[in-house]
Protein backbone atom coordinates (compact mmCIF):
# COMPACT_ATOMS: atom_id res chain seq x y z
CA UNK A 1 133.10 126.19 77.88
CA UNK A 2 130.42 126.22 75.21
CA UNK A 3 130.98 122.17 75.08
CA UNK A 4 130.24 122.02 78.99
CA UNK A 5 127.13 124.25 78.21
CA UNK A 6 125.87 121.88 75.24
CA UNK A 7 126.61 118.82 77.32
CA UNK A 8 125.17 119.48 80.58
CA UNK A 9 121.10 118.95 79.46
CA UNK A 10 122.42 115.76 77.48
CA UNK A 11 124.14 114.61 80.68
CA UNK A 12 120.73 115.12 82.32
CA UNK A 13 118.84 113.63 79.93
CA UNK A 14 120.83 110.38 80.39
CA UNK A 15 120.16 110.46 84.19
CA UNK A 16 116.34 110.56 83.43
CA UNK A 17 116.53 107.77 81.02
CA UNK A 18 118.65 105.56 83.64
CA UNK A 19 115.98 106.47 86.02
CA UNK A 20 113.05 105.89 83.74
CA UNK A 21 114.37 102.37 82.78
CA UNK A 22 115.03 101.49 86.72
CA UNK A 23 111.50 102.53 87.70
CA UNK A 24 109.79 101.15 84.37
CA UNK A 25 108.44 98.03 83.16
CA UNK A 26 111.05 96.35 81.96
CA UNK A 27 111.43 92.42 82.29
CA UNK A 28 113.41 90.88 85.06
CA UNK A 29 115.19 87.77 84.89
CA UNK A 30 113.60 85.28 87.10
CA UNK A 31 115.07 83.47 89.94
CA UNK A 32 114.13 81.39 92.81
CA UNK A 33 116.25 83.44 95.10
CA UNK A 34 113.56 86.08 94.34
CA UNK A 35 111.02 84.29 96.74
CA UNK A 36 110.11 85.67 99.33
CA UNK A 37 110.04 88.07 102.17
CA UNK A 38 108.74 86.77 105.70
CA UNK A 39 107.07 89.98 106.52
CA UNK A 40 104.48 90.01 103.52
CA UNK A 41 105.33 87.22 101.40
CA UNK A 42 106.19 89.51 98.67
CA UNK A 43 109.00 88.53 95.88
CA UNK A 44 112.36 90.41 96.01
CA UNK A 45 113.05 92.68 93.31
CA UNK A 46 109.68 92.37 91.19
CA UNK A 47 108.67 95.62 89.95
CA UNK A 48 105.40 94.20 88.53
CA UNK A 49 102.24 94.05 90.90
CA UNK A 50 100.79 90.74 92.17
CA UNK A 51 97.86 89.29 90.17
CA UNK A 52 94.31 90.20 91.57
CA UNK A 53 92.41 87.69 89.41
CA UNK A 54 91.64 84.54 91.25
CA UNK A 55 94.50 82.12 91.85
CA UNK A 56 94.60 79.13 89.87
CA UNK A 57 96.44 77.72 92.57
CA UNK A 58 95.27 76.17 95.86
CA UNK A 59 96.79 75.38 99.43
CA UNK A 60 94.83 71.98 100.28
CA UNK A 61 95.08 71.07 103.97
CA UNK A 62 94.31 67.42 104.84
CA UNK A 63 92.73 68.01 108.32
CA UNK A 64 89.77 69.87 109.70
CA UNK A 65 91.70 70.27 113.00
CA UNK A 66 95.35 69.75 114.45
CA UNK A 67 96.88 68.55 117.82
CA UNK A 68 100.37 69.16 118.99
CA UNK A 69 103.06 66.62 117.57
CA UNK A 70 100.54 64.85 114.87
CA UNK A 71 101.32 65.76 111.52
CA UNK A 72 98.88 67.26 108.83
CA UNK A 73 99.41 67.03 105.05
CA UNK A 74 99.76 70.17 103.04
CA UNK A 75 99.71 70.45 99.31
CA UNK A 76 100.47 73.25 96.87
CA UNK A 77 98.44 72.16 93.75
CA UNK A 78 97.34 73.89 90.41
CA UNK A 79 93.66 73.92 89.27
CA UNK A 80 94.50 74.73 85.65
CA UNK A 81 97.10 73.90 82.95
CA UNK A 82 99.33 76.72 84.33
CA UNK A 83 102.35 75.78 86.60
CA UNK A 84 104.36 77.51 89.17
CA UNK A 85 108.19 77.88 89.33
CA UNK A 86 108.83 79.18 92.79
CA UNK A 87 106.69 79.47 96.11
CA UNK A 88 106.59 80.12 99.76
CA UNK A 89 104.71 78.61 102.08
CA UNK A 90 104.08 78.77 106.06
CA UNK A 91 101.56 78.59 108.65
CA UNK A 92 100.21 81.34 110.91
CA UNK A 93 97.99 82.06 113.85
CA UNK A 94 94.39 82.76 112.33
CA UNK A 95 93.48 85.46 111.62
CA UNK A 96 96.95 86.34 110.08
CA UNK A 97 98.22 89.94 110.41
CA UNK A 98 101.21 90.75 108.44
CA UNK A 99 104.62 90.73 110.22
CA UNK A 100 103.48 87.58 112.38
CA UNK A 101 106.24 84.83 112.67
CA UNK A 102 105.42 81.54 111.52
CA UNK A 103 104.16 78.42 113.80
CA UNK A 104 104.87 74.94 113.33
CA UNK A 105 107.09 73.15 111.39
CA UNK A 106 106.97 71.96 107.49
CA UNK A 107 109.03 68.86 107.10
CA UNK A 108 110.23 68.07 103.71
CA UNK A 109 109.36 64.72 102.21
CA UNK A 110 111.75 62.69 100.68
CA UNK A 111 113.00 63.36 97.34
CA UNK A 112 111.83 66.97 97.51
CA UNK A 113 114.17 69.71 96.60
CA UNK A 114 113.06 72.36 98.85
CA UNK A 115 114.66 74.36 101.70
CA UNK A 116 113.64 75.94 104.84
CA UNK A 117 113.70 79.83 104.63
CA UNK A 118 116.46 80.79 107.30
CA UNK A 119 115.20 84.18 107.93
CA UNK A 120 111.95 83.03 108.72
CA UNK A 121 112.76 80.37 111.14
CA UNK A 122 112.25 80.97 114.95
CA UNK A 123 114.00 78.86 117.72
CA UNK A 124 113.27 77.70 121.04
CA UNK A 125 115.99 79.63 122.82
CA UNK A 126 116.17 76.90 125.62
CA UNK A 127 116.73 73.92 123.55
CA UNK A 128 118.13 76.04 120.73
CA UNK A 129 116.26 74.36 117.97
CA UNK A 130 113.95 75.60 115.53
CA UNK A 131 110.31 75.43 116.33
CA UNK A 132 108.74 76.94 113.32
CA UNK A 133 109.66 77.48 109.93
CA UNK A 134 108.65 78.44 106.33
CA UNK A 135 109.76 76.88 102.97
CA UNK A 136 110.73 78.02 99.59
CA UNK A 137 111.65 76.35 96.24
CA UNK A 138 115.57 75.75 95.35
CA UNK A 139 114.87 75.39 91.71
CA UNK A 140 113.00 77.00 89.08
CA UNK A 141 111.38 73.95 87.26
CA UNK A 142 107.24 74.24 86.61
CA UNK A 143 105.43 72.81 89.38
CA UNK A 144 101.82 71.91 89.51
CA UNK A 145 101.42 69.54 93.05
CA UNK A 146 103.92 69.84 95.88
CA UNK A 147 103.45 67.87 99.23
CA UNK A 148 104.29 68.92 102.57
CA UNK A 149 103.69 67.93 106.48
CA UNK A 150 103.18 70.25 108.94
CA UNK A 151 103.13 69.66 112.82
CA UNK A 152 102.72 71.64 115.70
CA UNK A 153 104.94 71.71 118.63
CA UNK A 154 102.14 73.43 121.00
CA UNK A 155 98.80 74.86 120.55
CA UNK A 156 98.73 78.34 118.66
CA UNK A 157 95.07 78.39 118.53
CA UNK A 158 93.26 78.35 114.76
CA UNK A 159 95.83 78.31 111.92
CA UNK A 160 95.83 79.26 108.44
CA UNK A 161 98.48 78.66 105.80
CA UNK A 162 99.72 81.56 103.43
CA UNK A 163 101.56 80.87 100.26
CA UNK A 164 103.05 82.80 97.28
CA UNK A 165 103.01 81.34 93.72
CA UNK A 166 105.52 82.68 91.30
CA UNK A 167 104.82 81.71 87.56
CA UNK A 168 107.23 84.28 86.24
CA UNK A 169 108.48 87.76 87.03
CA UNK A 170 105.32 89.39 85.58
CA UNK A 171 102.63 86.68 86.91
CA UNK A 172 102.49 85.96 90.54
CA UNK A 173 100.08 85.86 93.77
CA UNK A 174 101.26 86.83 96.91
CA UNK A 175 99.96 85.30 100.30
CA UNK A 176 96.82 83.36 98.65
CA UNK A 177 95.22 81.56 101.97
CA UNK A 178 94.05 78.14 102.94
CA UNK A 179 90.91 77.60 104.69
CA UNK A 180 91.52 77.27 108.41
CA UNK A 181 92.89 74.55 110.38
CA UNK A 182 91.07 74.37 113.63
CA UNK A 183 92.71 73.91 116.94
CA UNK A 184 91.07 70.76 118.47
CA UNK A 185 91.36 71.95 122.05
CA UNK A 186 88.89 74.85 121.40
CA UNK A 187 85.14 74.67 121.31
CA UNK A 188 85.09 77.38 118.99
CA UNK A 189 85.63 76.74 115.38
CA UNK A 190 85.71 79.77 112.82
CA UNK A 191 83.21 79.72 109.82
CA UNK A 192 84.06 81.15 106.89
CA UNK A 193 81.59 83.68 105.51
CA UNK A 194 80.50 82.29 102.20
CA UNK A 195 77.94 83.94 99.77
CA UNK A 196 77.00 82.60 96.47
CA UNK A 197 78.38 84.23 93.46
CA UNK A 198 76.35 87.32 92.01
CA UNK A 199 74.24 85.97 89.24
CA UNK A 200 74.43 88.00 86.16
CA UNK A 201 71.86 85.91 83.72
CA UNK A 202 69.15 88.20 84.77
CA UNK A 203 70.79 91.57 84.28
CA UNK A 204 68.84 93.94 82.03
CA UNK A 205 65.56 91.88 82.89
CA UNK A 206 64.70 91.66 86.71
CA UNK A 207 67.85 93.45 87.84
CA UNK A 208 69.82 96.39 86.84
CA UNK A 209 73.39 96.10 86.51
CA UNK A 210 76.76 97.55 85.91
CA UNK A 211 79.60 95.65 85.18
CA UNK A 212 83.31 96.29 83.87
CA UNK A 213 84.52 95.20 81.90
CA UNK A 214 81.48 95.02 79.43
CA UNK A 215 79.40 91.56 79.55
CA UNK A 216 81.59 90.03 82.37
CA UNK A 217 80.34 87.37 84.58
CA UNK A 218 81.66 86.43 87.91
CA UNK A 219 84.53 85.84 88.79
CA UNK A 220 86.10 87.76 86.49
CA UNK A 221 84.82 91.35 86.40
CA UNK A 222 86.90 93.91 87.85
CA UNK A 223 83.64 95.59 89.30
CA UNK A 224 80.12 94.39 89.41
CA UNK A 225 77.05 95.90 90.91
CA UNK A 226 73.45 94.82 90.55
CA UNK A 227 70.43 96.19 92.29
CA UNK A 228 66.66 95.28 92.54
CA UNK A 229 64.43 98.06 93.74
CA UNK A 230 61.15 97.63 95.70
CA UNK A 231 60.07 101.44 96.18
CA UNK A 232 61.17 101.27 99.80
CA UNK A 233 64.45 99.67 99.85
CA UNK A 234 67.05 98.70 97.08
CA UNK A 235 68.99 95.29 97.23
CA UNK A 236 72.39 95.64 96.02
CA UNK A 237 74.97 93.28 95.26
CA UNK A 238 78.73 94.71 94.93
CA UNK A 239 81.83 92.45 94.03
CA UNK A 240 85.23 93.04 92.77
CA UNK A 241 88.81 92.06 92.49
CA UNK A 242 91.12 92.14 95.59
CA UNK A 243 95.08 90.82 95.89
CA UNK A 244 94.31 88.07 98.11
CA UNK A 245 96.01 89.89 101.14
CA UNK A 246 93.93 91.18 104.30
CA UNK A 247 91.99 94.22 104.72
CA UNK A 248 91.07 95.32 101.36
CA UNK A 249 87.88 97.03 100.13
CA UNK A 250 85.80 97.64 97.00
CA UNK A 251 83.18 100.64 97.03
CA UNK A 252 80.75 102.12 94.97
CA UNK A 253 79.62 105.97 95.34
CA UNK A 254 76.88 107.75 94.11
CA UNK A 255 77.87 111.13 92.19
CA UNK A 256 76.22 113.98 90.36
CA UNK A 257 79.43 114.09 88.12
CA UNK A 258 82.56 112.15 87.25
CA UNK A 259 84.61 113.56 90.41
CA UNK A 260 85.30 112.85 93.39
CA UNK A 261 83.28 115.31 96.05
CA UNK A 262 79.93 115.57 97.54
CA UNK A 263 79.18 111.74 96.94
CA UNK A 264 77.28 108.80 99.20
CA UNK A 265 80.09 105.82 99.30
CA UNK A 266 78.95 102.25 100.09
CA UNK A 267 82.15 100.03 100.88
CA UNK A 268 82.46 96.33 101.22
CA UNK A 269 85.40 95.97 103.24
CA UNK A 270 87.06 92.76 104.91
CA UNK A 271 88.54 93.27 108.57
CA UNK A 272 91.16 90.57 109.24
CA UNK A 273 90.96 91.65 112.91
CA UNK A 274 87.52 89.75 113.07
CA UNK A 275 87.83 87.83 109.72
CA UNK A 276 84.80 89.64 108.52
CA UNK A 277 83.48 91.08 105.46
CA UNK A 278 80.59 93.92 105.83
CA UNK A 279 79.29 97.05 104.49
CA UNK A 280 80.15 100.44 105.43
CA UNK A 281 79.01 104.21 104.64
CA UNK A 282 80.87 107.22 103.82
CA UNK A 283 80.65 110.32 102.11
CA UNK A 284 82.85 112.37 100.12
CA UNK A 285 83.80 115.88 100.33
CA UNK A 286 84.81 118.42 97.90
CA UNK A 287 87.27 120.79 99.80
CA UNK A 288 89.45 118.97 101.05
CA UNK A 289 88.70 115.90 98.64
CA UNK A 290 88.48 113.38 101.66
CA UNK A 291 86.40 110.21 102.15
CA UNK A 292 84.73 110.66 105.75
CA UNK A 293 83.30 107.33 107.31
CA UNK A 294 80.19 107.00 109.30
CA UNK A 295 80.90 105.19 112.23
CA UNK A 296 78.90 101.74 112.18
CA UNK A 297 79.57 100.66 115.76
CA UNK A 298 78.79 102.60 119.00
CA UNK A 299 80.64 100.17 121.21
CA UNK A 300 84.08 99.35 119.76
CA UNK A 301 84.55 96.18 121.94
CA UNK A 302 81.08 94.72 121.25
CA UNK A 303 81.15 95.34 117.66
CA UNK A 304 79.84 91.92 116.56
CA UNK A 305 76.47 92.65 118.37
CA UNK A 306 73.61 93.84 116.17
CA UNK A 307 72.28 95.63 118.97
CA UNK A 308 75.39 98.10 118.71
CA UNK A 309 74.92 98.41 115.18
CA UNK A 310 74.54 102.17 114.31
CA UNK A 311 73.47 101.43 110.68
CA UNK A 312 70.04 99.32 111.81
CA UNK A 313 67.55 102.12 110.77
CA UNK A 314 68.96 102.41 107.12
CA UNK A 315 70.80 99.13 106.64
CA UNK A 316 68.30 96.68 106.29
CA UNK A 317 70.57 93.32 105.94
CA UNK A 318 73.70 92.48 104.80
CA UNK A 319 76.35 89.43 104.25
CA UNK A 320 79.55 89.52 102.69
CA UNK A 321 82.77 87.12 101.66
CA UNK A 322 86.39 87.56 100.86
CA UNK A 323 87.52 84.45 99.08
CA UNK A 324 90.15 83.72 96.20
CA UNK A 325 91.09 87.35 95.71
CA UNK A 326 87.26 88.42 95.59
CA UNK A 327 85.07 90.44 97.52
CA UNK A 328 81.64 90.26 97.66
CA UNK A 329 78.78 91.91 99.53
CA UNK A 330 74.91 91.60 99.05
CA UNK A 331 73.06 94.14 101.35
CA UNK A 332 69.67 95.80 101.23
CA UNK A 333 69.60 99.57 102.27
CA UNK A 334 66.59 102.14 102.70
CA UNK A 335 66.37 104.71 99.98
CA UNK A 336 65.71 107.50 102.11
CA UNK A 337 69.46 107.58 103.68
CA UNK A 338 69.28 111.41 104.47
CA UNK A 339 66.36 111.18 107.10
CA UNK A 340 68.79 109.49 109.49
CA UNK A 341 72.34 110.77 107.84
CA UNK A 342 71.66 114.34 106.38
CA UNK A 343 75.51 113.75 104.90
CA UNK A 344 74.15 111.12 102.46
CA UNK A 345 72.13 111.40 99.27
CA UNK A 346 68.70 109.75 98.87
CA UNK A 347 68.42 106.78 96.59
CA UNK A 348 65.52 108.54 94.70
CA UNK A 349 65.37 111.12 92.07
CA UNK A 350 67.65 112.12 89.02
CA UNK A 351 70.21 109.37 87.53
CA UNK A 352 73.69 109.80 89.02
CA UNK A 353 77.29 108.54 87.76
CA UNK A 354 78.76 105.86 89.73
CA UNK A 355 82.28 105.88 91.14
CA UNK A 356 84.07 102.54 91.49
CA UNK A 357 87.24 102.02 93.81
CA UNK A 358 89.24 99.47 95.38
CA UNK A 359 92.61 99.21 97.48
CA UNK A 360 93.67 98.80 101.11
CA UNK A 361 91.35 99.41 103.92
CA UNK A 362 92.03 99.85 107.93
CA UNK A 363 89.16 98.19 109.86
CA UNK A 364 86.80 98.53 107.24
CA UNK A 365 87.75 102.05 106.58
CA UNK A 366 89.00 102.67 102.98
CA UNK A 367 92.46 103.92 102.24
CA UNK A 368 93.28 106.55 99.59
CA UNK A 369 93.40 104.88 96.23
CA UNK A 370 96.26 105.64 93.94
CA UNK A 371 96.20 107.40 90.79
CA UNK A 372 97.44 104.95 88.18
CA UNK A 373 95.16 103.44 85.40
CA UNK A 374 94.63 100.37 87.88
CA UNK A 375 94.00 102.20 90.99
CA UNK A 376 92.44 105.44 89.90
CA UNK A 377 88.62 105.14 90.40
CA UNK A 378 86.34 103.82 87.71
CA UNK A 379 83.71 106.42 86.59
CA UNK A 380 80.70 105.08 84.61
CA UNK A 381 80.46 106.55 81.31
CA UNK A 382 76.49 107.40 81.68
CA UNK A 383 74.14 108.09 84.25
CA UNK A 384 72.46 105.06 86.32
CA UNK A 385 69.07 104.92 87.38
CA UNK A 386 68.23 102.56 90.10
CA UNK A 387 64.76 102.74 88.95
CA UNK A 388 65.59 100.88 85.70
CA UNK A 389 66.28 97.04 85.40
CA UNK A 390 69.05 97.83 82.49
CA UNK A 391 72.69 96.83 81.45
CA UNK A 392 74.94 99.57 82.13
CA UNK A 393 78.61 99.66 81.15
CA UNK A 394 81.67 101.67 80.18
CA UNK A 395 84.34 103.76 81.91
CA UNK A 396 84.22 107.49 81.51
CA UNK A 397 87.05 109.10 79.58
CA UNK A 398 88.64 112.68 80.65
CA UNK A 399 89.11 114.55 77.18
CA UNK A 400 90.68 117.51 79.02
CA UNK A 401 93.41 115.26 80.35
CA UNK A 402 94.12 113.56 77.48
CA UNK A 403 94.22 116.78 75.40
CA UNK A 404 96.74 117.98 78.06
CA UNK A 405 98.99 115.10 77.54
CA UNK A 406 98.64 115.40 73.86
CA UNK A 407 99.71 118.97 73.71
CA UNK A 408 102.38 118.74 76.27
CA UNK A 409 103.92 115.88 74.03
CA UNK A 410 103.57 117.84 70.95
CA UNK A 411 105.49 121.00 72.73
CA UNK A 412 108.31 119.29 74.53
CA UNK A 413 109.27 116.27 72.28
CA UNK A 414 108.58 117.93 68.75
CA UNK A 415 108.93 121.84 68.90
CA UNK A 416 111.26 122.06 71.77
CA UNK A 417 113.80 119.25 70.87
CA UNK A 418 114.08 120.87 67.53
CA UNK A 419 114.27 124.38 68.53
CA UNK A 420 116.95 123.60 70.89
CA UNK A 421 118.83 121.27 68.54
CA UNK A 422 118.76 124.61 66.08
CA UNK A 423 120.10 126.81 68.57
CA UNK A 424 123.17 124.46 69.94
CA UNK A 425 124.30 122.96 66.60
CA UNK A 426 122.96 124.90 63.55
CA UNK A 427 124.04 128.58 64.26
CA UNK A 428 126.81 128.45 61.48
CA UNK A 429 124.66 126.48 58.93
CA UNK A 430 123.15 128.11 55.89
CA UNK A 431 125.63 131.40 56.52
CA UNK A 432 124.27 133.17 53.32
CA UNK A 433 120.52 132.63 53.46
CA UNK A 434 118.09 134.69 55.19
CA UNK A 435 114.32 134.47 56.07
CA UNK A 436 112.57 137.73 56.66
CA UNK A 437 116.20 139.21 57.17
CA UNK A 438 116.96 136.29 59.96
CA UNK A 439 118.99 133.31 59.49
CA UNK A 440 117.44 130.00 59.05
CA UNK A 441 118.51 128.88 62.65
CA UNK A 442 117.15 131.80 64.46
CA UNK A 443 113.90 131.72 62.58
CA UNK A 444 113.40 128.22 63.15
CA UNK A 445 114.41 128.34 66.77
CA UNK A 446 112.25 131.32 67.54
CA UNK A 447 109.23 129.55 65.97
CA UNK A 448 109.58 126.62 67.61
CA UNK A 449 109.86 128.00 70.72
CA UNK A 450 107.18 130.54 70.46
CA UNK A 451 104.92 127.50 69.16
CA UNK A 452 106.02 125.32 72.47
CA UNK A 453 105.33 128.41 74.89
CA UNK A 454 101.81 128.94 73.35
CA UNK A 455 100.77 124.94 73.43
CA UNK A 456 102.02 124.95 77.22
CA UNK A 457 100.01 127.55 78.00
CA UNK A 458 97.14 126.31 76.58
CA UNK A 459 97.90 122.63 77.89
CA UNK A 460 98.36 123.84 81.47
CA UNK A 461 94.96 125.90 81.33
CA UNK A 462 93.01 122.73 80.21
CA UNK A 463 94.70 120.87 82.88
CA UNK A 464 93.78 123.34 85.75
CA UNK A 465 90.04 123.37 84.56
CA UNK A 466 90.14 119.62 84.37
CA UNK A 467 91.22 119.36 88.19
CA UNK A 468 89.33 122.67 89.18
CA UNK A 469 92.49 124.30 90.14
CA UNK A 470 95.83 123.45 91.59
CA UNK A 471 95.71 119.82 92.56
CA UNK A 472 98.21 117.92 94.62
CA UNK A 473 98.74 114.15 94.49
CA UNK A 474 98.84 111.95 97.45
CA UNK A 475 102.40 110.53 97.05
CA UNK A 476 105.47 110.52 95.01
CA UNK A 477 106.34 110.17 92.16
CA UNK A 478 102.92 111.67 91.12
CA UNK A 479 103.27 114.40 93.86
CA UNK A 480 106.20 115.74 91.79
CA UNK A 481 104.10 116.19 88.67
CA UNK A 482 102.33 119.64 89.34
CA UNK A 483 105.35 120.66 91.27
CA UNK A 484 107.60 120.41 88.28
CA UNK A 485 104.69 121.49 86.24
CA UNK A 486 104.85 124.71 87.97
CA UNK A 487 108.58 125.04 87.79
CA UNK A 488 108.47 124.51 84.04
CA UNK A 489 106.03 127.22 83.63
CA UNK A 490 107.73 129.87 85.56
CA UNK A 491 110.81 129.20 83.53
CA UNK A 492 109.08 129.28 80.34
CA UNK A 493 107.60 132.83 81.04
CA UNK A 494 110.86 134.08 82.21
CA UNK A 495 112.66 132.95 79.21
CA UNK A 496 110.91 135.18 76.61
CA UNK A 497 110.98 138.39 78.83
CA UNK A 498 114.78 137.80 79.11
CA UNK A 499 115.02 137.30 75.21
CA UNK A 500 112.92 140.71 74.57
CA UNK A 501 115.16 142.89 77.15
CA UNK A 502 118.44 141.43 76.02
CA UNK A 503 120.83 144.14 74.97
CA UNK A 504 122.68 144.45 71.78
CA UNK A 505 125.54 142.10 70.75
CA UNK A 506 128.27 144.50 71.41
CA UNK A 507 126.86 145.46 74.83
CA UNK A 508 129.08 143.98 77.78
CA UNK A 509 126.32 142.62 79.56
CA UNK A 510 125.04 140.63 76.48
CA UNK A 511 126.75 137.22 78.05
CA UNK A 512 125.13 137.49 81.36
CA UNK A 513 121.76 137.56 79.65
CA UNK A 514 122.88 134.74 77.35
CA UNK A 515 123.79 132.62 80.32
CA UNK A 516 120.32 133.34 81.88
CA UNK A 517 118.55 132.54 78.90
CA UNK A 518 120.53 129.47 78.64
CA UNK A 519 119.91 128.45 82.05
CA UNK A 520 116.01 128.93 82.39
CA UNK A 521 115.56 127.12 78.96
CA UNK A 522 117.90 123.95 80.19
CA UNK A 523 116.18 123.84 83.36
CA UNK A 524 112.55 123.81 81.67
CA UNK A 525 113.76 121.49 78.97
CA UNK A 526 115.46 119.12 81.42
CA UNK A 527 112.54 119.06 83.88
CA UNK A 528 109.77 118.54 81.13
CA UNK A 529 110.92 114.97 80.05
CA UNK A 530 110.62 113.23 83.65
CA UNK A 531 107.51 115.24 83.94
CA UNK A 532 106.17 113.88 81.01
CA UNK A 533 107.03 110.42 82.15
CA UNK A 534 105.37 110.88 85.45
CA UNK A 535 102.20 112.47 83.83
CA UNK A 536 101.95 108.87 81.73
CA UNK A 537 101.19 107.13 84.95
CA UNK A 538 98.00 109.19 85.59
CA UNK A 539 94.93 106.95 85.35
CA UNK A 540 92.86 109.94 83.56
CA UNK A 541 95.25 109.77 80.74
CA UNK A 542 94.81 105.94 80.07
CA UNK A 543 98.13 105.39 78.47
CA UNK A 544 98.88 101.80 78.16
CA UNK A 545 102.70 101.03 79.93
CA UNK A 546 104.02 99.92 77.06
CA UNK A 547 103.54 103.46 75.56
CA UNK A 548 106.36 104.55 77.93
CA UNK A 549 108.80 102.54 76.00
CA UNK A 550 108.07 104.35 72.91
CA UNK A 551 109.03 107.85 74.67
CA UNK A 552 112.44 105.95 75.98
CA UNK A 553 113.35 105.01 72.35
CA UNK A 554 112.77 108.59 71.17
CA UNK A 555 115.02 109.75 74.12
CA UNK A 556 117.67 107.38 73.47
CA UNK A 557 117.29 108.12 69.80
CA UNK A 558 117.54 112.35 70.83
CA UNK A 559 120.85 111.36 72.86
CA UNK A 560 122.50 109.57 70.05
CA UNK A 561 121.57 112.72 67.82
CA UNK A 562 123.31 114.87 70.24
CA UNK A 563 126.43 112.89 70.76
CA UNK A 564 126.85 112.44 67.08
CA UNK A 565 126.23 116.35 66.76
CA UNK A 566 128.50 117.01 69.66
CA UNK A 567 131.80 114.99 68.32
CA UNK A 568 131.32 116.29 64.97
CA UNK A 569 131.30 119.78 66.37
CA UNK A 570 134.52 118.98 68.22
CA UNK A 571 136.43 117.17 65.30
CA UNK A 572 135.60 119.93 62.71
CA UNK A 573 136.00 122.92 65.15
CA UNK A 574 139.85 123.38 64.00
CA UNK A 575 138.66 123.37 60.30
CA UNK A 576 136.11 125.66 60.56
CA UNK A 577 138.35 127.81 62.56
CA UNK A 578 140.79 128.34 59.76
CA UNK A 579 138.16 128.40 57.10
CA UNK A 580 136.59 131.41 58.87
CA UNK A 581 140.24 132.85 59.29
CA UNK A 582 140.70 132.67 55.64
CA UNK A 583 137.55 134.10 54.62
CA UNK A 584 137.75 137.00 56.88
CA UNK A 585 141.27 137.59 55.63
CA UNK A 586 140.25 137.43 51.93
CA UNK A 587 137.44 140.32 52.88
CA UNK A 588 140.35 142.62 54.08
CA UNK A 589 142.57 141.73 51.00
CA UNK A 590 139.59 142.40 48.78
CA UNK A 591 136.83 144.72 50.25
CA UNK A 592 135.08 145.84 47.30
CA UNK A 593 134.43 142.53 46.42
CA UNK A 594 131.36 140.23 47.50
CA UNK A 595 132.79 136.80 49.37
CA UNK A 596 129.86 134.84 50.47
CA UNK A 597 130.49 133.47 53.99
CA UNK A 598 131.86 129.76 53.68
CA UNK A 599 129.53 126.65 54.58
CA UNK A 600 130.96 125.02 57.63
CA UNK A 601 132.96 121.44 57.36
CA UNK A 602 130.50 118.53 57.56
CA UNK A 603 127.42 120.50 56.53
CA UNK A 604 126.04 117.89 54.76
CA UNK A 605 126.29 115.67 57.54
CA UNK A 606 124.55 118.38 59.94
CA UNK A 607 121.69 118.70 57.36
CA UNK A 608 121.08 114.89 57.40
CA UNK A 609 121.15 114.44 60.98
CA UNK A 610 118.69 117.78 61.42
CA UNK A 611 116.25 115.96 58.90
CA UNK A 612 116.34 112.62 60.40
CA UNK A 613 115.76 113.99 63.71
CA UNK A 614 112.71 115.73 62.57
CA UNK A 615 111.47 112.88 60.66
CA UNK A 616 111.74 110.32 63.55
CA UNK A 617 110.60 112.73 66.24
CA UNK A 618 107.64 113.62 63.75
CA UNK A 619 106.70 109.99 63.72
CA UNK A 620 107.28 109.21 67.76
CA UNK A 621 105.05 112.27 68.39
CA UNK A 622 102.14 111.37 66.16
CA UNK A 623 102.31 107.65 67.44
CA UNK A 624 102.24 109.02 71.14
CA UNK A 625 99.25 111.57 70.52
CA UNK A 626 97.09 109.05 68.60
CA UNK A 627 97.99 106.19 71.65
CA UNK A 628 96.94 108.85 74.40
CA UNK A 629 93.87 110.06 72.13
CA UNK A 630 92.34 106.54 71.40
CA UNK A 631 93.50 104.58 74.60
């Protein structure tokens, strides 16, 4: 029974470790079979996200228009020294909607080692022949120029090509698009919105700028905002990275602080239904923390007509584009926004922080951002004054969130693990030594767990102050983090209470209290490790992804130590039992003599394992605290 009790947390830690390895950032062996899903063109089985920097690969279309049964040349080419190993290519009606079936047939040129993707084929039921398809690579050789011909069996309206390029399991671009191939029978030809790149040469001179990272130039800025003030209006240029797919947005908000709530938001969003990039106004509320769009158009069916434009009193002009993974809007807006929209803040008065975010949009309305480092809104480190033509840069830090993470690592990785190790495997050690009339194991266990309790309480107070109370994350696994934290808090509060009211050792109720004490401690300890792993994904802590593997190494090390001590305890059980029996017999035979209790068998090995665990855990804890503090 003792072996089962001691092994249960170990088994649960193994489960946690396996889950962490499966969901982590581990490398995946690449194969052509990973490309690609017909619905959204994403690769199979890759945990990494697609690159959002402008793709070095292009889809070159050899004609401006098409007619049925006439071939059009289509090339996949690289504009740099980088080559791709796998790809997906298909044509779709313009504008493309996720889930739409391909149109037309892509023919393989002679000596080309590529294949049609069977589950993307649509057939003419009458003739039982394929009338559209998509192609993928058959091998994983590096490619920089791949040639095809495409032909239409009928008129589809305007068409665009979509392609996914895979360099390896970590570097790939999803659903890159070509220029529009027009239907020659239609008089209306779509014209892509194009505006010039944002010029940063005059930043700090004749225009104000905020750039992340510092000193970047288009198209390599994650976020860029410039402004020029003419007293009545402000001319803004907003740019940001997207992932090349449809309906994306980049936005900035004007905030009194570094947190969402009571903010005025300007969004540059692409609407794939109209293939138009434009500016939208909204505002954030504190309770609940939501973004509230201000409708832009009065008549939804005629929303391309300026006469129905509901922002015309405040939005003086606007233009936007979405090309090569880059969203860009240039717009002029009146300073006195609150005259027409009381929910918005006027662009006058004291400097404010800027909040930046990007993500999915739905017909111009931003969807909720994520909470990881890449997705969490960026807050400017200092307040920005639109009346000054200055260069601003720098991401705000969240010291209370970092302190919370550091304290939790210290509490559970260092103090809790050592305290539990002492009570599980070291009760027989140092039988004749005492500290303040307590055995070594009890003194160490009590002080470790008491320190852990104090640190956890402080850490939870800090994060409640940071979040302004209980804060619920939008989705799993982050959503589980505060819930698990509350469960752990309840367990560590109950456990010392049970220890204080526990009856004496000879009381018949003592085993019941021991079981409950063990159960609550085990629940807290087992839940703490996955909770820490989840917490490392929160963007406010800003932990680099590779730091997770340092913690994984510690979990593996801790499991090895416990397994070693467990096996050692099983192997020495009979010898220790016999040694103790002889000692008790000697005490009975010579009651007036002092007989020191014998050290357990293998005490040198157990002492070595304890010091090894303490030393290694100290190094890991120190490394994690430094990484969290300085990242």
